[in-house]
Structures are given as structure tokens and as C-alpha cells.
mmCIF file of all heavy atoms, coordinates in Angstrom:
data_MODEL
# 
_entry.id   MODEL 
# 
loop_
_atom_site.group_PDB 
_atom_site.id 
_atom_site.type_symbol 
_atom_site.label_atom_id 
_atom_site.label_alt_id 
_atom_site.label_comp_id 
_atom_site.label_asym_id 
_atom_site.label_entity_id 
_atom_site.label_seq_id 
_atom_site.pdbx_PDB_ins_code 
_atom_site.Cartn_x 
_atom_site.Cartn_y 
_atom_site.Cartn_z 
_atom_site.occupancy 
_atom_site.B_iso_or_equiv 
_atom_site.pdbx_formal_charge 
_atom_site.auth_seq_id 
_atom_site.auth_comp_id 
_atom_site.auth_asym_id 
_atom_site.auth_atom_id 
_atom_site.pdbx_PDB_model_num 
ATOM 1   N N   . ILE A 1 1  ? 6.739   8.564   8.379   1.00 0.00 ? 1  ILE A N   1 
ATOM 2   C CA  . ILE A 1 1  ? 7.561   9.666   8.791   1.00 0.00 ? 1  ILE A CA  1 
ATOM 3   C C   . ILE A 1 1  ? 8.543   9.151   9.838   1.00 0.00 ? 1  ILE A C   1 
ATOM 4   O O   . ILE A 1 1  ? 9.726   9.559   9.828   1.00 0.00 ? 1  ILE A O   1 
ATOM 5   C CB  . ILE A 1 1  ? 6.718   10.825  9.278   1.00 0.00 ? 1  ILE A CB  1 
ATOM 6   C CG1 . ILE A 1 1  ? 5.908   11.440  8.161   1.00 0.00 ? 1  ILE A CG1 1 
ATOM 7   C CG2 . ILE A 1 1  ? 7.572   11.875  10.056  1.00 0.00 ? 1  ILE A CG2 1 
ATOM 8   C CD1 . ILE A 1 1  ? 4.837   12.419  8.546   1.00 0.00 ? 1  ILE A CD1 1 
ATOM 9   N N   . GLU A 1 2  ? 8.063   8.411   10.778  1.00 0.00 ? 2  GLU A N   1 
ATOM 10  C CA  . GLU A 1 2  ? 8.935   7.903   11.830  1.00 0.00 ? 2  GLU A CA  1 
ATOM 11  C C   . GLU A 1 2  ? 9.854   6.762   11.456  1.00 0.00 ? 2  GLU A C   1 
ATOM 12  O O   . GLU A 1 2  ? 10.685  6.275   12.186  1.00 0.00 ? 2  GLU A O   1 
ATOM 13  C CB  . GLU A 1 2  ? 8.109   7.464   13.085  1.00 0.00 ? 2  GLU A CB  1 
ATOM 14  C CG  . GLU A 1 2  ? 7.327   8.568   13.660  1.00 0.00 ? 2  GLU A CG  1 
ATOM 15  C CD  . GLU A 1 2  ? 6.324   8.154   14.772  1.00 0.00 ? 2  GLU A CD  1 
ATOM 16  O OE1 . GLU A 1 2  ? 6.120   6.907   14.890  1.00 0.00 ? 2  GLU A OE1 1 
ATOM 17  O OE2 . GLU A 1 2  ? 5.745   9.036   15.317  1.00 0.00 ? 2  GLU A OE2 1 
ATOM 18  N N   . LYS A 1 3  ? 9.653   6.293   10.226  1.00 0.00 ? 3  LYS A N   1 
ATOM 19  C CA  . LYS A 1 3  ? 10.356  5.252   9.570   1.00 0.00 ? 3  LYS A CA  1 
ATOM 20  C C   . LYS A 1 3  ? 10.416  3.961   10.527  1.00 0.00 ? 3  LYS A C   1 
ATOM 21  O O   . LYS A 1 3  ? 11.463  3.411   10.811  1.00 0.00 ? 3  LYS A O   1 
ATOM 22  C CB  . LYS A 1 3  ? 11.814  5.663   9.302   1.00 0.00 ? 3  LYS A CB  1 
ATOM 23  C CG  . LYS A 1 3  ? 11.867  6.784   8.288   1.00 0.00 ? 3  LYS A CG  1 
ATOM 24  C CD  . LYS A 1 3  ? 13.243  7.116   7.892   1.00 0.00 ? 3  LYS A CD  1 
ATOM 25  C CE  . LYS A 1 3  ? 13.389  8.276   7.025   1.00 0.00 ? 3  LYS A CE  1 
ATOM 26  N NZ  . LYS A 1 3  ? 12.869  8.203   5.665   1.00 0.00 ? 3  LYS A NZ  1 
ATOM 27  N N   . GLN A 1 4  ? 9.243   3.639   10.942  1.00 0.00 ? 4  GLN A N   1 
ATOM 28  C CA  . GLN A 1 4  ? 9.131   2.490   11.775  1.00 0.00 ? 4  GLN A CA  1 
ATOM 29  C C   . GLN A 1 4  ? 9.581   1.177   11.127  1.00 0.00 ? 4  GLN A C   1 
ATOM 30  O O   . GLN A 1 4  ? 9.316   0.972   9.888   1.00 0.00 ? 4  GLN A O   1 
ATOM 31  C CB  . GLN A 1 4  ? 7.672   2.199   12.229  1.00 0.00 ? 4  GLN A CB  1 
ATOM 32  C CG  . GLN A 1 4  ? 7.197   3.303   13.215  1.00 0.00 ? 4  GLN A CG  1 
ATOM 33  C CD  . GLN A 1 4  ? 5.861   3.053   13.751  1.00 0.00 ? 4  GLN A CD  1 
ATOM 34  O OE1 . GLN A 1 4  ? 5.175   2.086   13.351  1.00 0.00 ? 4  GLN A OE1 1 
ATOM 35  N NE2 . GLN A 1 4  ? 5.377   3.824   14.705  1.00 0.00 ? 4  GLN A NE2 1 
ATOM 36  N N   . SER A 1 5  ? 10.334  0.382   11.811  1.00 0.00 ? 5  SER A N   1 
ATOM 37  C CA  . SER A 1 5  ? 10.947  -0.800  11.175  1.00 0.00 ? 5  SER A CA  1 
ATOM 38  C C   . SER A 1 5  ? 9.886   -1.749  10.598  1.00 0.00 ? 5  SER A C   1 
ATOM 39  O O   . SER A 1 5  ? 10.241  -2.408  9.610   1.00 0.00 ? 5  SER A O   1 
ATOM 40  C CB  . SER A 1 5  ? 11.832  -1.528  12.191  1.00 0.00 ? 5  SER A CB  1 
ATOM 41  O OG  . SER A 1 5  ? 11.061  -1.911  13.283  1.00 0.00 ? 5  SER A OG  1 
ATOM 42  N N   . ALA A 1 6  ? 8.744   -1.805  11.150  1.00 0.00 ? 6  ALA A N   1 
ATOM 43  C CA  . ALA A 1 6  ? 7.711   -2.726  10.710  1.00 0.00 ? 6  ALA A CA  1 
ATOM 44  C C   . ALA A 1 6  ? 7.346   -2.321  9.241   1.00 0.00 ? 6  ALA A C   1 
ATOM 45  O O   . ALA A 1 6  ? 7.178   -3.232  8.441   1.00 0.00 ? 6  ALA A O   1 
ATOM 46  C CB  . ALA A 1 6  ? 6.522   -2.714  11.560  1.00 0.00 ? 6  ALA A CB  1 
ATOM 47  N N   . LEU A 1 7  ? 7.270   -1.113  8.997   1.00 0.00 ? 7  LEU A N   1 
ATOM 48  C CA  . LEU A 1 7  ? 7.038   -0.640  7.599   1.00 0.00 ? 7  LEU A CA  1 
ATOM 49  C C   . LEU A 1 7  ? 8.173   -0.896  6.651   1.00 0.00 ? 7  LEU A C   1 
ATOM 50  O O   . LEU A 1 7  ? 7.998   -1.271  5.496   1.00 0.00 ? 7  LEU A O   1 
ATOM 51  C CB  . LEU A 1 7  ? 6.688   0.786   7.583   1.00 0.00 ? 7  LEU A CB  1 
ATOM 52  C CG  . LEU A 1 7  ? 5.152   1.191   7.909   1.00 0.00 ? 7  LEU A CG  1 
ATOM 53  C CD1 . LEU A 1 7  ? 4.973   2.679   7.863   1.00 0.00 ? 7  LEU A CD1 1 
ATOM 54  C CD2 . LEU A 1 7  ? 4.249   0.414   6.990   1.00 0.00 ? 7  LEU A CD2 1 
ATOM 55  N N   . LEU A 1 8  ? 9.347   -0.646  7.156   1.00 0.00 ? 8  LEU A N   1 
ATOM 56  C CA  . LEU A 1 8  ? 10.553  -0.730  6.329   1.00 0.00 ? 8  LEU A CA  1 
ATOM 57  C C   . LEU A 1 8  ? 10.814  -2.224  5.994   1.00 0.00 ? 8  LEU A C   1 
ATOM 58  O O   . LEU A 1 8  ? 11.259  -2.507  4.966   1.00 0.00 ? 8  LEU A O   1 
ATOM 59  C CB  . LEU A 1 8  ? 11.750  -0.203  7.126   1.00 0.00 ? 8  LEU A CB  1 
ATOM 60  C CG  . LEU A 1 8  ? 11.708  1.366   7.292   1.00 0.00 ? 8  LEU A CG  1 
ATOM 61  C CD1 . LEU A 1 8  ? 12.923  1.832   8.073   1.00 0.00 ? 8  LEU A CD1 1 
ATOM 62  C CD2 . LEU A 1 8  ? 11.630  2.097   6.002   1.00 0.00 ? 8  LEU A CD2 1 
ATOM 63  N N   . ASP A 1 9  ? 10.337  -3.087  6.891   1.00 0.00 ? 9  ASP A N   1 
ATOM 64  C CA  . ASP A 1 9  ? 10.536  -4.557  6.634   1.00 0.00 ? 9  ASP A CA  1 
ATOM 65  C C   . ASP A 1 9  ? 9.367   -5.187  5.940   1.00 0.00 ? 9  ASP A C   1 
ATOM 66  O O   . ASP A 1 9  ? 9.403   -6.378  5.618   1.00 0.00 ? 9  ASP A O   1 
ATOM 67  C CB  . ASP A 1 9  ? 10.677  -5.223  8.013   1.00 0.00 ? 9  ASP A CB  1 
ATOM 68  C CG  . ASP A 1 9  ? 11.986  -4.837  8.728   1.00 0.00 ? 9  ASP A CG  1 
ATOM 69  O OD1 . ASP A 1 9  ? 12.878  -4.402  8.040   1.00 0.00 ? 9  ASP A OD1 1 
ATOM 70  O OD2 . ASP A 1 9  ? 12.055  -5.073  10.035  1.00 0.00 ? 9  ASP A OD2 1 
ATOM 71  N N   . SER A 1 10 ? 8.401   -4.386  5.714   1.00 0.00 ? 10 SER A N   1 
ATOM 72  C CA  . SER A 1 10 ? 7.206   -4.979  5.002   1.00 0.00 ? 10 SER A CA  1 
ATOM 73  C C   . SER A 1 10 ? 7.511   -5.469  3.644   1.00 0.00 ? 10 SER A C   1 
ATOM 74  O O   . SER A 1 10 ? 8.391   -4.888  2.971   1.00 0.00 ? 10 SER A O   1 
ATOM 75  C CB  . SER A 1 10 ? 6.028   -4.014  4.979   1.00 0.00 ? 10 SER A CB  1 
ATOM 76  O OG  . SER A 1 10 ? 6.378   -2.794  4.305   1.00 0.00 ? 10 SER A OG  1 
ATOM 77  N N   . ARG A 1 11 ? 6.874   -6.551  3.295   1.00 0.00 ? 11 ARG A N   1 
ATOM 78  C CA  . ARG A 1 11 ? 7.082   -7.112  1.956   1.00 0.00 ? 11 ARG A CA  1 
ATOM 79  C C   . ARG A 1 11 ? 6.620   -6.220  0.894   1.00 0.00 ? 11 ARG A C   1 
ATOM 80  O O   . ARG A 1 11 ? 5.506   -5.637  0.923   1.00 0.00 ? 11 ARG A O   1 
ATOM 81  C CB  . ARG A 1 11 ? 6.401   -8.554  1.868   1.00 0.00 ? 11 ARG A CB  1 
ATOM 82  C CG  . ARG A 1 11 ? 6.979   -9.476  2.820   1.00 0.00 ? 11 ARG A CG  1 
ATOM 83  C CD  . ARG A 1 11 ? 6.445   -10.860 2.780   1.00 0.00 ? 11 ARG A CD  1 
ATOM 84  N NE  . ARG A 1 11 ? 5.300   -10.987 1.808   1.00 0.00 ? 11 ARG A NE  1 
ATOM 85  C CZ  . ARG A 1 11 ? 4.253   -11.711 2.051   1.00 0.00 ? 11 ARG A CZ  1 
ATOM 86  N NH1 . ARG A 1 11 ? 4.145   -12.427 3.119   1.00 0.00 ? 11 ARG A NH1 1 
ATOM 87  N NH2 . ARG A 1 11 ? 3.317   -11.822 1.215   1.00 0.00 ? 11 ARG A NH2 1 
ATOM 88  N N   . GLU A 1 12 ? 7.390   -6.143  -0.236  1.00 0.00 ? 12 GLU A N   1 
ATOM 89  C CA  . GLU A 1 12 ? 6.990   -5.300  -1.328  1.00 0.00 ? 12 GLU A CA  1 
ATOM 90  C C   . GLU A 1 12 ? 5.655   -5.697  -1.945  1.00 0.00 ? 12 GLU A C   1 
ATOM 91  O O   . GLU A 1 12 ? 4.817   -4.790  -2.268  1.00 0.00 ? 12 GLU A O   1 
ATOM 92  C CB  . GLU A 1 12 ? 8.080   -5.361  -2.432  1.00 0.00 ? 12 GLU A CB  1 
ATOM 93  C CG  . GLU A 1 12 ? 7.860   -4.365  -3.559  1.00 0.00 ? 12 GLU A CG  1 
ATOM 94  C CD  . GLU A 1 12 ? 8.950   -4.259  -4.585  1.00 0.00 ? 12 GLU A CD  1 
ATOM 95  O OE1 . GLU A 1 12 ? 10.119  -4.449  -4.187  1.00 0.00 ? 12 GLU A OE1 1 
ATOM 96  O OE2 . GLU A 1 12 ? 8.623   -4.086  -5.759  1.00 0.00 ? 12 GLU A OE2 1 
ATOM 97  N N   . GLU A 1 13 ? 5.341   -6.987  -1.954  1.00 0.00 ? 13 GLU A N   1 
ATOM 98  C CA  . GLU A 1 13 ? 4.074   -7.414  -2.538  1.00 0.00 ? 13 GLU A CA  1 
ATOM 99  C C   . GLU A 1 13 ? 2.899   -6.928  -1.717  1.00 0.00 ? 13 GLU A C   1 
ATOM 100 O O   . GLU A 1 13 ? 1.824   -6.642  -2.277  1.00 0.00 ? 13 GLU A O   1 
ATOM 101 C CB  . GLU A 1 13 ? 4.034   -8.852  -2.814  1.00 0.00 ? 13 GLU A CB  1 
ATOM 102 C CG  . GLU A 1 13 ? 4.207   -9.761  -1.639  1.00 0.00 ? 13 GLU A CG  1 
ATOM 103 C CD  . GLU A 1 13 ? 5.535   -10.403 -1.581  1.00 0.00 ? 13 GLU A CD  1 
ATOM 104 O OE1 . GLU A 1 13 ? 6.497   -9.986  -2.267  1.00 0.00 ? 13 GLU A OE1 1 
ATOM 105 O OE2 . GLU A 1 13 ? 5.693   -11.385 -0.826  1.00 0.00 ? 13 GLU A OE2 1 
ATOM 106 N N   . ASP A 1 14 ? 3.100   -6.809  -0.358  1.00 0.00 ? 14 ASP A N   1 
ATOM 107 C CA  . ASP A 1 14 ? 2.027   -6.292  0.488   1.00 0.00 ? 14 ASP A CA  1 
ATOM 108 C C   . ASP A 1 14 ? 1.755   -4.820  0.191   1.00 0.00 ? 14 ASP A C   1 
ATOM 109 O O   . ASP A 1 14 ? 0.597   -4.390  0.138   1.00 0.00 ? 14 ASP A O   1 
ATOM 110 C CB  . ASP A 1 14 ? 2.345   -6.432  1.957   1.00 0.00 ? 14 ASP A CB  1 
ATOM 111 C CG  . ASP A 1 14 ? 2.258   -7.859  2.418   1.00 0.00 ? 14 ASP A CG  1 
ATOM 112 O OD1 . ASP A 1 14 ? 1.603   -8.731  1.810   1.00 0.00 ? 14 ASP A OD1 1 
ATOM 113 O OD2 . ASP A 1 14 ? 2.865   -8.166  3.476   1.00 0.00 ? 14 ASP A OD2 1 
ATOM 114 N N   . VAL A 1 15 ? 2.815   -4.077  -0.044  1.00 0.00 ? 15 VAL A N   1 
ATOM 115 C CA  . VAL A 1 15 ? 2.654   -2.640  -0.343  1.00 0.00 ? 15 VAL A CA  1 
ATOM 116 C C   . VAL A 1 15 ? 2.116   -2.480  -1.724  1.00 0.00 ? 15 VAL A C   1 
ATOM 117 O O   . VAL A 1 15 ? 1.179   -1.642  -1.968  1.00 0.00 ? 15 VAL A O   1 
ATOM 118 C CB  . VAL A 1 15 ? 4.058   -1.944  -0.279  1.00 0.00 ? 15 VAL A CB  1 
ATOM 119 C CG1 . VAL A 1 15 ? 3.861   -0.431  -0.539  1.00 0.00 ? 15 VAL A CG1 1 
ATOM 120 C CG2 . VAL A 1 15 ? 4.702   -2.102  1.066   1.00 0.00 ? 15 VAL A CG2 1 
ATOM 121 N N   . GLN A 1 16 ? 2.486   -3.351  -2.663  1.00 0.00 ? 16 GLN A N   1 
ATOM 122 C CA  . GLN A 1 16 ? 1.897   -3.288  -3.965  1.00 0.00 ? 16 GLN A CA  1 
ATOM 123 C C   . GLN A 1 16 ? 0.422   -3.599  -3.958  1.00 0.00 ? 16 GLN A C   1 
ATOM 124 O O   . GLN A 1 16 ? -0.361  -3.015  -4.641  1.00 0.00 ? 16 GLN A O   1 
ATOM 125 C CB  . GLN A 1 16 ? 2.659   -4.288  -4.963  1.00 0.00 ? 16 GLN A CB  1 
ATOM 126 C CG  . GLN A 1 16 ? 4.049   -3.917  -5.312  1.00 0.00 ? 16 GLN A CG  1 
ATOM 127 C CD  . GLN A 1 16 ? 4.062   -2.873  -6.455  1.00 0.00 ? 16 GLN A CD  1 
ATOM 128 O OE1 . GLN A 1 16 ? 3.046   -2.287  -6.816  1.00 0.00 ? 16 GLN A OE1 1 
ATOM 129 N NE2 . GLN A 1 16 ? 5.207   -2.558  -6.921  1.00 0.00 ? 16 GLN A NE2 1 
ATOM 130 N N   . SER A 1 17 ? 0.101   -4.595  -3.138  1.00 0.00 ? 17 SER A N   1 
ATOM 131 C CA  . SER A 1 17 ? -1.270  -4.945  -3.000  1.00 0.00 ? 17 SER A CA  1 
ATOM 132 C C   . SER A 1 17 ? -2.110  -3.778  -2.462  1.00 0.00 ? 17 SER A C   1 
ATOM 133 O O   . SER A 1 17 ? -3.225  -3.502  -2.894  1.00 0.00 ? 17 SER A O   1 
ATOM 134 C CB  . SER A 1 17 ? -1.448  -6.157  -2.077  1.00 0.00 ? 17 SER A CB  1 
ATOM 135 O OG  . SER A 1 17 ? -2.705  -6.475  -1.830  1.00 0.00 ? 17 SER A OG  1 
ATOM 136 N N   . LEU A 1 18 ? -1.545  -3.101  -1.444  1.00 0.00 ? 18 LEU A N   1 
ATOM 137 C CA  . LEU A 1 18 ? -2.181  -1.899  -0.820  1.00 0.00 ? 18 LEU A CA  1 
ATOM 138 C C   . LEU A 1 18 ? -2.419  -0.876  -1.952  1.00 0.00 ? 18 LEU A C   1 
ATOM 139 O O   . LEU A 1 18 ? -3.486  -0.257  -2.077  1.00 0.00 ? 18 LEU A O   1 
ATOM 140 C CB  . LEU A 1 18 ? -1.387  -1.417  0.338   1.00 0.00 ? 18 LEU A CB  1 
ATOM 141 C CG  . LEU A 1 18 ? -1.924  -0.203  1.029   1.00 0.00 ? 18 LEU A CG  1 
ATOM 142 C CD1 . LEU A 1 18 ? -3.259  -0.402  1.638   1.00 0.00 ? 18 LEU A CD1 1 
ATOM 143 C CD2 . LEU A 1 18 ? -0.952  0.352   2.120   1.00 0.00 ? 18 LEU A CD2 1 
ATOM 144 N N   . LEU A 1 19 ? -1.391  -0.581  -2.657  1.00 0.00 ? 19 LEU A N   1 
ATOM 145 C CA  . LEU A 1 19 ? -1.413  0.464   -3.732  1.00 0.00 ? 19 LEU A CA  1 
ATOM 146 C C   . LEU A 1 19 ? -2.488  0.088   -4.753  1.00 0.00 ? 19 LEU A C   1 
ATOM 147 O O   . LEU A 1 19 ? -3.262  0.835   -5.169  1.00 0.00 ? 19 LEU A O   1 
ATOM 148 C CB  . LEU A 1 19 ? -0.013  0.640   -4.349  1.00 0.00 ? 19 LEU A CB  1 
ATOM 149 C CG  . LEU A 1 19 ? 0.119   1.651   -5.435  1.00 0.00 ? 19 LEU A CG  1 
ATOM 150 C CD1 . LEU A 1 19 ? -0.240  3.003   -4.977  1.00 0.00 ? 19 LEU A CD1 1 
ATOM 151 C CD2 . LEU A 1 19 ? 1.594   1.610   -5.930  1.00 0.00 ? 19 LEU A CD2 1 
ATOM 152 N N   . LYS A 1 20 ? -2.441  -1.175  -5.134  1.00 0.00 ? 20 LYS A N   1 
ATOM 153 C CA  . LYS A 1 20 ? -3.455  -1.684  -6.206  1.00 0.00 ? 20 LYS A CA  1 
ATOM 154 C C   . LYS A 1 20 ? -4.859  -1.529  -5.757  1.00 0.00 ? 20 LYS A C   1 
ATOM 155 O O   . LYS A 1 20 ? -5.719  -1.088  -6.436  1.00 0.00 ? 20 LYS A O   1 
ATOM 156 C CB  . LYS A 1 20 ? -3.102  -3.114  -6.534  1.00 0.00 ? 20 LYS A CB  1 
ATOM 157 C CG  . LYS A 1 20 ? -3.972  -3.672  -7.637  1.00 0.00 ? 20 LYS A CG  1 
ATOM 158 C CD  . LYS A 1 20 ? -3.532  -5.122  -7.897  1.00 0.00 ? 20 LYS A CD  1 
ATOM 159 C CE  . LYS A 1 20 ? -4.509  -5.767  -8.899  1.00 0.00 ? 20 LYS A CE  1 
ATOM 160 N NZ  . LYS A 1 20 ? -4.077  -7.188  -9.107  1.00 0.00 ? 20 LYS A NZ  1 
ATOM 161 N N   . LEU A 1 21 ? -5.102  -1.826  -4.427  1.00 0.00 ? 21 LEU A N   1 
ATOM 162 C CA  . LEU A 1 21 ? -6.434  -1.733  -3.786  1.00 0.00 ? 21 LEU A CA  1 
ATOM 163 C C   . LEU A 1 21 ? -6.880  -0.339  -3.794  1.00 0.00 ? 21 LEU A C   1 
ATOM 164 O O   . LEU A 1 21 ? -8.039  -0.023  -4.150  1.00 0.00 ? 21 LEU A O   1 
ATOM 165 C CB  . LEU A 1 21 ? -6.443  -2.293  -2.446  1.00 0.00 ? 21 LEU A CB  1 
ATOM 166 C CG  . LEU A 1 21 ? -6.954  -3.611  -2.153  1.00 0.00 ? 21 LEU A CG  1 
ATOM 167 C CD1 . LEU A 1 21 ? -6.802  -4.025  -0.669  1.00 0.00 ? 21 LEU A CD1 1 
ATOM 168 C CD2 . LEU A 1 21 ? -8.429  -3.703  -2.453  1.00 0.00 ? 21 LEU A CD2 1 
ATOM 169 N N   . ALA A 1 22 ? -5.985  0.590   -3.404  1.00 0.00 ? 22 ALA A N   1 
ATOM 170 C CA  . ALA A 1 22 ? -6.379  2.005   -3.320  1.00 0.00 ? 22 ALA A CA  1 
ATOM 171 C C   . ALA A 1 22 ? -6.721  2.556   -4.706  1.00 0.00 ? 22 ALA A C   1 
ATOM 172 O O   . ALA A 1 22 ? -7.715  3.265   -4.951  1.00 0.00 ? 22 ALA A O   1 
ATOM 173 C CB  . ALA A 1 22 ? -5.274  2.813   -2.653  1.00 0.00 ? 22 ALA A CB  1 
ATOM 174 N N   . LYS A 1 23 ? -5.887  2.227   -5.710  1.00 0.00 ? 23 LYS A N   1 
ATOM 175 C CA  . LYS A 1 23 ? -6.143  2.658   -7.069  1.00 0.00 ? 23 LYS A CA  1 
ATOM 176 C C   . LYS A 1 23 ? -7.465  2.116   -7.595  1.00 0.00 ? 23 LYS A C   1 
ATOM 177 O O   . LYS A 1 23 ? -8.293  2.837   -8.214  1.00 0.00 ? 23 LYS A O   1 
ATOM 178 C CB  . LYS A 1 23 ? -4.966  2.245   -7.985  1.00 0.00 ? 23 LYS A CB  1 
ATOM 179 C CG  . LYS A 1 23 ? -3.816  3.135   -7.852  1.00 0.00 ? 23 LYS A CG  1 
ATOM 180 C CD  . LYS A 1 23 ? -2.681  2.686   -8.760  1.00 0.00 ? 23 LYS A CD  1 
ATOM 181 C CE  . LYS A 1 23 ? -1.444  3.535   -8.677  1.00 0.00 ? 23 LYS A CE  1 
ATOM 182 N NZ  . LYS A 1 23 ? -0.454  3.217   -9.560  1.00 0.00 ? 23 LYS A NZ  1 
ATOM 183 N N   . ALA A 1 24 ? -7.691  0.830   -7.372  1.00 0.00 ? 24 ALA A N   1 
ATOM 184 C CA  . ALA A 1 24 ? -8.953  0.167   -7.801  1.00 0.00 ? 24 ALA A CA  1 
ATOM 185 C C   . ALA A 1 24 ? -10.209 0.802   -7.131  1.00 0.00 ? 24 ALA A C   1 
ATOM 186 O O   . ALA A 1 24 ? -11.228 1.009   -7.804  1.00 0.00 ? 24 ALA A O   1 
ATOM 187 C CB  . ALA A 1 24 ? -8.857  -1.322  -7.568  1.00 0.00 ? 24 ALA A CB  1 
ATOM 188 N N   . ALA A 1 25 ? -10.048 1.089   -5.863  1.00 0.00 ? 25 ALA A N   1 
ATOM 189 C CA  . ALA A 1 25 ? -11.220 1.716   -5.116  1.00 0.00 ? 25 ALA A CA  1 
ATOM 190 C C   . ALA A 1 25 ? -11.540 3.068   -5.710  1.00 0.00 ? 25 ALA A C   1 
ATOM 191 O O   . ALA A 1 25 ? -12.630 3.435   -5.885  1.00 0.00 ? 25 ALA A O   1 
ATOM 192 C CB  . ALA A 1 25 ? -10.842 1.799   -3.587  1.00 0.00 ? 25 ALA A CB  1 
ATOM 193 N N   . ARG A 1 26 ? -10.459 3.861   -5.925  1.00 0.00 ? 26 ARG A N   1 
ATOM 194 C CA  . ARG A 1 26 ? -10.668 5.235   -6.394  1.00 0.00 ? 26 ARG A CA  1 
ATOM 195 C C   . ARG A 1 26 ? -11.327 5.165   -7.801  1.00 0.00 ? 26 ARG A C   1 
ATOM 196 O O   . ARG A 1 26 ? -12.260 5.816   -8.141  1.00 0.00 ? 26 ARG A O   1 
ATOM 197 C CB  . ARG A 1 26 ? -9.410  6.063   -6.412  1.00 0.00 ? 26 ARG A CB  1 
ATOM 198 C CG  . ARG A 1 26 ? -9.680  7.476   -6.810  1.00 0.00 ? 26 ARG A CG  1 
ATOM 199 C CD  . ARG A 1 26 ? -8.509  8.392   -6.360  1.00 0.00 ? 26 ARG A CD  1 
ATOM 200 N NE  . ARG A 1 26 ? -7.220  7.960   -6.859  1.00 0.00 ? 26 ARG A NE  1 
ATOM 201 C CZ  . ARG A 1 26 ? -6.656  8.478   -7.924  1.00 0.00 ? 26 ARG A CZ  1 
ATOM 202 N NH1 . ARG A 1 26 ? -7.300  9.340   -8.654  1.00 0.00 ? 26 ARG A NH1 1 
ATOM 203 N NH2 . ARG A 1 26 ? -5.499  8.108   -8.304  1.00 0.00 ? 26 ARG A NH2 1 
ATOM 204 N N   . LYS A 1 27 ? -10.748 4.265   -8.717  1.00 0.00 ? 27 LYS A N   1 
ATOM 205 C CA  . LYS A 1 27 ? -11.326 4.204   -10.033 1.00 0.00 ? 27 LYS A CA  1 
ATOM 206 C C   . LYS A 1 27 ? -12.718 3.716   -10.035 1.00 0.00 ? 27 LYS A C   1 
ATOM 207 O O   . LYS A 1 27 ? -13.565 4.251   -10.778 1.00 0.00 ? 27 LYS A O   1 
ATOM 208 C CB  . LYS A 1 27 ? -10.460 3.183   -10.850 1.00 0.00 ? 27 LYS A CB  1 
ATOM 209 C CG  . LYS A 1 27 ? -10.878 3.091   -12.262 1.00 0.00 ? 27 LYS A CG  1 
ATOM 210 C CD  . LYS A 1 27 ? -9.952  2.155   -13.069 1.00 0.00 ? 27 LYS A CD  1 
ATOM 211 C CE  . LYS A 1 27 ? -10.350 2.163   -14.527 1.00 0.00 ? 27 LYS A CE  1 
ATOM 212 N NZ  . LYS A 1 27 ? -10.371 0.954   -15.162 1.00 0.00 ? 27 LYS A NZ  1 
ATOM 213 N N   . SER A 1 28 ? -13.057 2.782   -9.155  1.00 0.00 ? 28 SER A N   1 
ATOM 214 C CA  . SER A 1 28 ? -14.386 2.204   -9.111  1.00 0.00 ? 28 SER A CA  1 
ATOM 215 C C   . SER A 1 28 ? -15.357 3.360   -8.663  1.00 0.00 ? 28 SER A C   1 
ATOM 216 O O   . SER A 1 28 ? -16.460 3.445   -9.175  1.00 0.00 ? 28 SER A O   1 
ATOM 217 C CB  . SER A 1 28 ? -14.464 1.115   -8.096  1.00 0.00 ? 28 SER A CB  1 
ATOM 218 O OG  . SER A 1 28 ? -15.729 0.615   -7.874  1.00 0.00 ? 28 SER A OG  1 
ATOM 219 N N   . LEU A 1 29 ? -14.951 4.197   -7.698  1.00 0.00 ? 29 LEU A N   1 
ATOM 220 C CA  . LEU A 1 29 ? -15.769 5.223   -7.184  1.00 0.00 ? 29 LEU A CA  1 
ATOM 221 C C   . LEU A 1 29 ? -16.042 6.306   -8.267  1.00 0.00 ? 29 LEU A C   1 
ATOM 222 O O   . LEU A 1 29 ? -17.059 6.943   -8.289  1.00 0.00 ? 29 LEU A O   1 
ATOM 223 C CB  . LEU A 1 29 ? -15.166 5.861   -5.870  1.00 0.00 ? 29 LEU A CB  1 
ATOM 224 C CG  . LEU A 1 29 ? -15.254 4.978   -4.697  1.00 0.00 ? 29 LEU A CG  1 
ATOM 225 C CD1 . LEU A 1 29 ? -14.458 5.590   -3.607  1.00 0.00 ? 29 LEU A CD1 1 
ATOM 226 C CD2 . LEU A 1 29 ? -16.715 4.686   -4.311  1.00 0.00 ? 29 LEU A CD2 1 
ATOM 227 N N   . GLU A 1 30 ? -15.046 6.526   -9.050  1.00 0.00 ? 30 GLU A N   1 
ATOM 228 C CA  . GLU A 1 30 ? -15.105 7.551   -10.113 1.00 0.00 ? 30 GLU A CA  1 
ATOM 229 C C   . GLU A 1 30 ? -16.078 7.171   -11.220 1.00 0.00 ? 30 GLU A C   1 
ATOM 230 O O   . GLU A 1 30 ? -16.631 7.948   -11.957 1.00 0.00 ? 30 GLU A O   1 
ATOM 231 C CB  . GLU A 1 30 ? -13.763 7.912   -10.701 1.00 0.00 ? 30 GLU A CB  1 
ATOM 232 C CG  . GLU A 1 30 ? -12.891 8.688   -9.684  1.00 0.00 ? 30 GLU A CG  1 
ATOM 233 C CD  . GLU A 1 30 ? -11.457 8.855   -10.137 1.00 0.00 ? 30 GLU A CD  1 
ATOM 234 O OE1 . GLU A 1 30 ? -10.991 8.056   -11.039 1.00 0.00 ? 30 GLU A OE1 1 
ATOM 235 O OE2 . GLU A 1 30 ? -10.742 9.619   -9.549  1.00 0.00 ? 30 GLU A OE2 1 
# 
């Protein structure tokens, strides 16, 4: 929300990795 530069500058693959981990965790729990 605050659009902190650290997030805006984060590498796309790090965000993709975070997204993939969250999806895998939810799927595994289900």
C-alpha cells in the first residue's frame, strides 16, 4: 500500500517464488 521502494525493486523471480510457495502450501493443506 505504501509502495515501498524495496518491494518495487524486488526481483520478479523472488515474487514468483513467494507466489509459488503460497500456492503449494495451500494445495498441500487442502
